Amino acid sequence: MNPEKAFSQDLNLLFWSEDERNIEAENVRGKCTVRPEKSINCEIEKWTEEGQYRFYYKEVSLTLVLRILLKILIVSMGKVITI
């Protein structure tokens, strides 16, 4: 994607990536809000302007959901993994 097209995209729209980053818990500065687009009952621009760090996604696969849930379960058990 060229820079002109990239700068014209919605920066609050999330996409799935296989990239992972691990950070230390003390580097977390706060929380964000992530919602599916179809659960937002107003214009996206209005919703994202109603608070800081609001992101949305258009679609999610069942495989992705299962991978995330498995990771949360294992991490909550005190183990560190990479899926």
N, C-alpha and C. Protein backbone atom coordinates (compact mmCIF):
# COMPACT_ATOMS: atom_id res chain seq x y z
N MET A 1 0.84 -1.17 0.00
CA MET A 1 0.00 0.00 0.00
C MET A 1 0.89 1.24 0.00
N ASN A 2 0.61 2.16 -0.87
CA ASN A 2 1.41 3.37 -0.92
C ASN A 2 1.05 4.30 0.24
N PRO A 3 1.95 5.23 0.58
CA PRO A 3 1.72 6.11 1.73
C PRO A 3 0.43 6.93 1.62
N GLU A 4 0.11 7.40 0.43
CA GLU A 4 -1.10 8.21 0.26
C GLU A 4 -2.35 7.41 0.62
N LYS A 5 -2.41 6.17 0.14
CA LYS A 5 -3.56 5.31 0.45
C LYS A 5 -3.57 4.94 1.94
N ALA A 6 -2.41 4.68 2.50
CA ALA A 6 -2.33 4.31 3.92
C ALA A 6 -2.86 5.43 4.81
N PHE A 7 -2.52 6.67 4.50
CA PHE A 7 -2.96 7.79 5.32
C PHE A 7 -4.44 8.10 5.15
N SER A 8 -5.06 7.56 4.12
CA SER A 8 -6.49 7.80 3.92
C SER A 8 -7.35 6.71 4.56
N GLN A 9 -6.74 5.70 5.16
CA GLN A 9 -7.46 4.59 5.79
C GLN A 9 -7.87 4.96 7.22
N ASP A 10 -8.89 4.28 7.71
CA ASP A 10 -9.35 4.46 9.08
C ASP A 10 -8.35 3.82 10.03
N LEU A 11 -7.71 4.61 10.85
CA LEU A 11 -6.68 4.10 11.76
C LEU A 11 -7.26 3.35 12.96
N ASN A 12 -8.58 3.38 13.12
CA ASN A 12 -9.22 2.67 14.22
C ASN A 12 -9.71 1.29 13.80
N LEU A 13 -9.60 0.94 12.52
CA LEU A 13 -10.02 -0.36 12.02
C LEU A 13 -8.89 -1.36 12.20
N LEU A 14 -9.18 -2.46 12.90
CA LEU A 14 -8.17 -3.48 13.18
C LEU A 14 -8.23 -4.61 12.15
N PHE A 15 -7.07 -5.18 11.88
CA PHE A 15 -6.95 -6.33 11.00
C PHE A 15 -6.14 -7.39 11.73
N TRP A 16 -6.39 -8.64 11.42
CA TRP A 16 -5.63 -9.74 12.02
C TRP A 16 -4.26 -9.83 11.38
N SER A 17 -3.28 -10.13 12.20
CA SER A 17 -1.92 -10.33 11.73
C SER A 17 -1.30 -11.47 12.53
N GLU A 18 -0.37 -12.17 11.94
CA GLU A 18 0.35 -13.22 12.66
C GLU A 18 1.48 -12.64 13.50
N ASP A 19 1.77 -11.35 13.35
CA ASP A 19 2.83 -10.71 14.12
C ASP A 19 2.47 -10.69 15.60
N GLU A 20 3.46 -10.92 16.44
CA GLU A 20 3.27 -10.87 17.88
C GLU A 20 4.32 -9.99 18.52
N ARG A 21 3.93 -9.31 19.56
CA ARG A 21 4.86 -8.52 20.36
C ARG A 21 4.60 -8.84 21.82
N ASN A 22 5.64 -9.10 22.56
CA ASN A 22 5.52 -9.32 24.00
C ASN A 22 6.04 -8.09 24.71
N ILE A 23 5.25 -7.62 25.68
CA ILE A 23 5.67 -6.46 26.47
C ILE A 23 5.52 -6.80 27.95
N GLU A 24 6.27 -6.12 28.75
CA GLU A 24 6.18 -6.30 30.19
C GLU A 24 4.91 -5.60 30.70
N ALA A 25 4.27 -6.18 31.70
CA ALA A 25 3.02 -5.64 32.24
C ALA A 25 3.17 -4.20 32.71
N GLU A 26 4.32 -3.85 33.25
CA GLU A 26 4.49 -2.48 33.75
C GLU A 26 4.54 -1.44 32.62
N ASN A 27 4.68 -1.89 31.37
CA ASN A 27 4.67 -0.97 30.24
C ASN A 27 3.27 -0.70 29.70
N VAL A 28 2.26 -1.38 30.24
CA VAL A 28 0.87 -1.13 29.83
C VAL A 28 0.42 0.17 30.47
N ARG A 29 -0.07 1.09 29.66
CA ARG A 29 -0.43 2.42 30.14
C ARG A 29 -1.92 2.60 30.40
N GLY A 30 -2.72 1.69 29.98
CA GLY A 30 -4.17 1.81 30.18
C GLY A 30 -4.88 0.79 29.33
N LYS A 31 -6.15 0.97 29.17
CA LYS A 31 -6.91 0.01 28.40
C LYS A 31 -7.47 0.65 27.13
N CYS A 32 -7.88 -0.21 26.22
CA CYS A 32 -8.53 0.25 25.01
C CYS A 32 -9.85 -0.48 24.87
N THR A 33 -10.68 0.00 23.97
CA THR A 33 -11.96 -0.61 23.70
C THR A 33 -11.92 -1.19 22.29
N VAL A 34 -12.26 -2.47 22.16
CA VAL A 34 -12.31 -3.14 20.85
C VAL A 34 -13.68 -3.77 20.72
N ARG A 35 -14.39 -3.41 19.64
CA ARG A 35 -15.74 -3.95 19.42
C ARG A 35 -15.92 -4.35 17.97
N PRO A 36 -16.81 -5.30 17.72
CA PRO A 36 -17.14 -5.62 16.33
C PRO A 36 -17.93 -4.46 15.73
N GLU A 37 -17.67 -4.17 14.47
CA GLU A 37 -18.33 -3.04 13.80
C GLU A 37 -19.85 -3.14 13.90
N LYS A 38 -20.41 -4.34 13.74
CA LYS A 38 -21.86 -4.46 13.73
C LYS A 38 -22.50 -4.22 15.09
N SER A 39 -21.72 -4.14 16.16
CA SER A 39 -22.29 -3.84 17.48
C SER A 39 -22.30 -2.35 17.79
N ILE A 40 -21.74 -1.55 16.90
CA ILE A 40 -21.70 -0.09 17.09
C ILE A 40 -22.94 0.49 16.44
N ASN A 41 -23.80 1.12 17.23
CA ASN A 41 -25.11 1.56 16.76
C ASN A 41 -25.16 3.03 16.33
N CYS A 42 -24.02 3.56 15.91
CA CYS A 42 -23.97 4.92 15.38
C CYS A 42 -22.86 4.96 14.34
N GLU A 43 -22.61 6.12 13.78
CA GLU A 43 -21.53 6.22 12.80
C GLU A 43 -20.20 5.92 13.48
N ILE A 44 -19.34 5.20 12.78
CA ILE A 44 -18.03 4.79 13.33
C ILE A 44 -17.24 6.01 13.80
N GLU A 45 -17.22 7.06 13.00
CA GLU A 45 -16.46 8.26 13.37
C GLU A 45 -16.95 8.84 14.69
N LYS A 46 -18.27 8.89 14.88
CA LYS A 46 -18.83 9.41 16.12
C LYS A 46 -18.43 8.53 17.30
N TRP A 47 -18.53 7.21 17.13
CA TRP A 47 -18.19 6.29 18.22
C TRP A 47 -16.73 6.42 18.61
N THR A 48 -15.82 6.49 17.63
CA THR A 48 -14.39 6.56 17.96
C THR A 48 -14.04 7.90 18.62
N GLU A 49 -14.81 8.95 18.34
CA GLU A 49 -14.54 10.25 18.95
C GLU A 49 -15.10 10.36 20.37
N GLU A 50 -15.92 9.41 20.78
CA GLU A 50 -16.54 9.45 22.11
C GLU A 50 -15.61 9.02 23.23
N GLY A 51 -14.42 8.56 22.92
CA GLY A 51 -13.47 8.15 23.94
C GLY A 51 -12.13 7.83 23.33
N GLN A 52 -11.12 7.75 24.18
CA GLN A 52 -9.78 7.45 23.71
C GLN A 52 -9.62 5.97 23.41
N TYR A 53 -8.74 5.67 22.49
CA TYR A 53 -8.29 4.31 22.21
C TYR A 53 -9.46 3.36 21.91
N ARG A 54 -10.32 3.77 20.98
CA ARG A 54 -11.45 2.94 20.55
C ARG A 54 -11.13 2.36 19.18
N PHE A 55 -11.22 1.04 19.08
CA PHE A 55 -10.92 0.34 17.84
C PHE A 55 -12.06 -0.63 17.53
N TYR A 56 -12.19 -0.97 16.26
CA TYR A 56 -13.23 -1.91 15.85
C TYR A 56 -12.69 -2.83 14.77
N TYR A 57 -13.40 -3.92 14.56
CA TYR A 57 -13.04 -4.86 13.49
C TYR A 57 -14.29 -5.23 12.72
N LYS A 58 -14.09 -5.66 11.47
CA LYS A 58 -15.22 -6.01 10.62
C LYS A 58 -15.56 -7.49 10.66
N GLU A 59 -14.56 -8.32 10.76
CA GLU A 59 -14.82 -9.76 10.78
C GLU A 59 -13.76 -10.48 11.59
N VAL A 60 -14.13 -11.65 12.05
CA VAL A 60 -13.21 -12.47 12.83
C VAL A 60 -13.51 -13.93 12.49
N SER A 61 -12.49 -14.74 12.44
CA SER A 61 -12.69 -16.15 12.11
C SER A 61 -12.81 -16.97 13.40
N LEU A 62 -13.48 -18.08 13.32
CA LEU A 62 -13.62 -18.97 14.46
C LEU A 62 -12.25 -19.47 14.92
N THR A 63 -11.37 -19.74 13.98
CA THR A 63 -10.02 -20.19 14.32
C THR A 63 -9.31 -19.15 15.18
N LEU A 64 -9.43 -17.89 14.80
CA LEU A 64 -8.81 -16.81 15.57
C LEU A 64 -9.39 -16.75 16.98
N VAL A 65 -10.69 -16.82 17.10
CA VAL A 65 -11.34 -16.77 18.42
C VAL A 65 -10.83 -17.92 19.30
N LEU A 66 -10.76 -19.12 18.75
CA LEU A 66 -10.29 -20.26 19.53
C LEU A 66 -8.84 -20.09 19.95
N ARG A 67 -8.00 -19.57 19.08
CA ARG A 67 -6.59 -19.34 19.43
C ARG A 67 -6.46 -18.32 20.55
N ILE A 68 -7.24 -17.26 20.49
CA ILE A 68 -7.19 -16.23 21.54
C ILE A 68 -7.68 -16.80 22.86
N LEU A 69 -8.79 -17.53 22.84
CA LEU A 69 -9.31 -18.11 24.08
C LEU A 69 -8.33 -19.11 24.69
N LEU A 70 -7.71 -19.93 23.86
CA LEU A 70 -6.71 -20.87 24.36
C LEU A 70 -5.53 -20.14 24.99
N LYS A 71 -5.09 -19.09 24.36
CA LYS A 71 -3.96 -18.32 24.89
C LYS A 71 -4.33 -17.68 26.23
N ILE A 72 -5.53 -17.11 26.33
CA ILE A 72 -5.98 -16.51 27.58
C ILE A 72 -6.04 -17.56 28.68
N LEU A 73 -6.58 -18.72 28.37
CA LEU A 73 -6.68 -19.80 29.35
C LEU A 73 -5.31 -20.23 29.85
N ILE A 74 -4.38 -20.43 28.95
CA ILE A 74 -3.05 -20.89 29.35
C ILE A 74 -2.30 -19.81 30.12
N VAL A 75 -2.40 -18.57 29.68
CA VAL A 75 -1.73 -17.47 30.39
C VAL A 75 -2.33 -17.31 31.79
N SER A 76 -3.66 -17.45 31.90
CA SER A 76 -4.30 -17.32 33.21
C SER A 76 -3.88 -18.43 34.16
N MET A 77 -3.38 -19.53 33.62
CA MET A 77 -2.88 -20.63 34.44
C MET A 77 -1.42 -20.41 34.84
N GLY A 78 -0.85 -19.28 34.42
CA GLY A 78 0.50 -18.95 34.81
C GLY A 78 1.59 -19.46 33.90
N LYS A 79 1.24 -19.90 32.73
CA LYS A 79 2.22 -20.40 31.78
C LYS A 79 2.40 -19.39 30.65
N VAL A 80 3.58 -19.31 30.10
CA VAL A 80 3.85 -18.42 28.98
C VAL A 80 3.97 -19.29 27.73
N ILE A 81 3.20 -18.95 26.70
CA ILE A 81 3.21 -19.75 25.47
C ILE A 81 3.22 -18.88 24.24
N THR A 82 3.52 -19.48 23.13
CA THR A 82 3.35 -18.85 21.83
C THR A 82 2.55 -19.81 20.99
N ILE A 83 1.45 -19.32 20.45
CA ILE A 83 0.58 -20.16 19.62
C ILE A 83 0.80 -19.81 18.16
